[in-house]
Amino acid sequence: MEIIHIVLGKANFKRMNSVNKVVHQLARKQVNFEVKASVLGITKYKDNNYCERNFET
């Protein structure tokens, strides 16, 4: 089973709202518990300007 979280924007941990912070933490903890999780951010900008993560973005 794979869990895919969908958020608006890139889910940049340094510049995100409360919902995106919760999704980031959920995905991080799910991967720590060996659940396949990823975050899909809907944005018009493709540049990668966020930190290293333990889940796919």
Protein backbone atom coordinates (compact mmCIF):
# COMPACT_ATOMS: atom_id res chain seq x y z
CA MET A 1 0.00 0.00 0.00
CA GLU A 2 1.22 3.50 -0.79
CA ILE A 3 -0.03 6.74 0.74
CA ILE A 4 0.07 9.86 -1.42
CA HIS A 5 -0.54 13.22 0.23
CA ILE A 6 -1.59 16.08 -2.08
CA VAL A 7 -0.94 19.71 -1.16
CA LEU A 8 -1.03 23.06 -2.91
CA GLY A 9 2.47 24.41 -3.48
CA LYS A 10 5.79 22.62 -3.11
CA ALA A 11 5.45 21.84 0.61
CA ASN A 12 8.66 23.69 1.37
CA PHE A 13 9.13 23.00 5.08
CA LYS A 14 10.69 26.42 5.73
CA ARG A 15 7.80 28.32 4.11
CA MET A 16 4.56 26.45 4.55
CA ASN A 17 1.19 26.81 6.21
CA SER A 18 -0.15 24.59 9.00
CA VAL A 19 -1.77 22.04 6.68
CA ASN A 20 1.44 21.55 4.71
CA LYS A 21 3.44 21.19 7.93
CA VAL A 22 1.10 18.43 9.12
CA VAL A 23 1.36 16.61 5.77
CA HIS A 24 5.17 16.91 5.85
CA GLN A 25 5.32 15.44 9.37
CA LEU A 26 2.82 12.67 8.53
CA ALA A 27 4.79 11.57 5.47
CA ARG A 28 8.07 11.69 7.40
CA LYS A 29 6.72 9.54 10.25
CA GLN A 30 5.01 7.11 7.86
CA VAL A 31 8.31 6.47 6.10
CA ASN A 32 9.98 5.95 9.49
CA PHE A 33 7.37 3.23 10.18
CA GLU A 34 8.23 1.64 6.79
CA VAL A 35 5.03 2.73 5.05
CA LYS A 36 5.52 3.87 1.46
CA ALA A 37 4.47 7.53 1.48
CA SER A 38 5.00 10.49 -0.83
CA VAL A 39 3.85 14.09 -1.15
CA LEU A 40 2.47 15.50 -4.38
CA GLY A 41 2.70 19.29 -4.48
CA ILE A 42 0.64 21.11 -7.09
CA THR A 43 2.53 24.18 -8.32
CA LYS A 44 3.37 25.95 -11.55
CA TYR A 45 7.08 26.30 -10.65
CA LYS A 46 9.33 23.29 -11.24
CA ASP A 47 12.54 24.39 -9.52
CA ASN A 48 13.68 22.28 -6.56
CA ASN A 49 14.24 24.72 -3.68
CA TYR A 50 13.45 22.58 -0.65
CA CYS A 51 15.57 20.54 1.73
CA GLU A 52 16.43 16.83 1.60
CA ARG A 53 13.54 14.52 2.63
CA ASN A 54 13.12 10.86 3.44
CA PHE A 55 10.08 10.61 1.17
CA GLU A 56 9.40 11.29 -2.52
CA THR A 57 8.13 14.70 -3.55
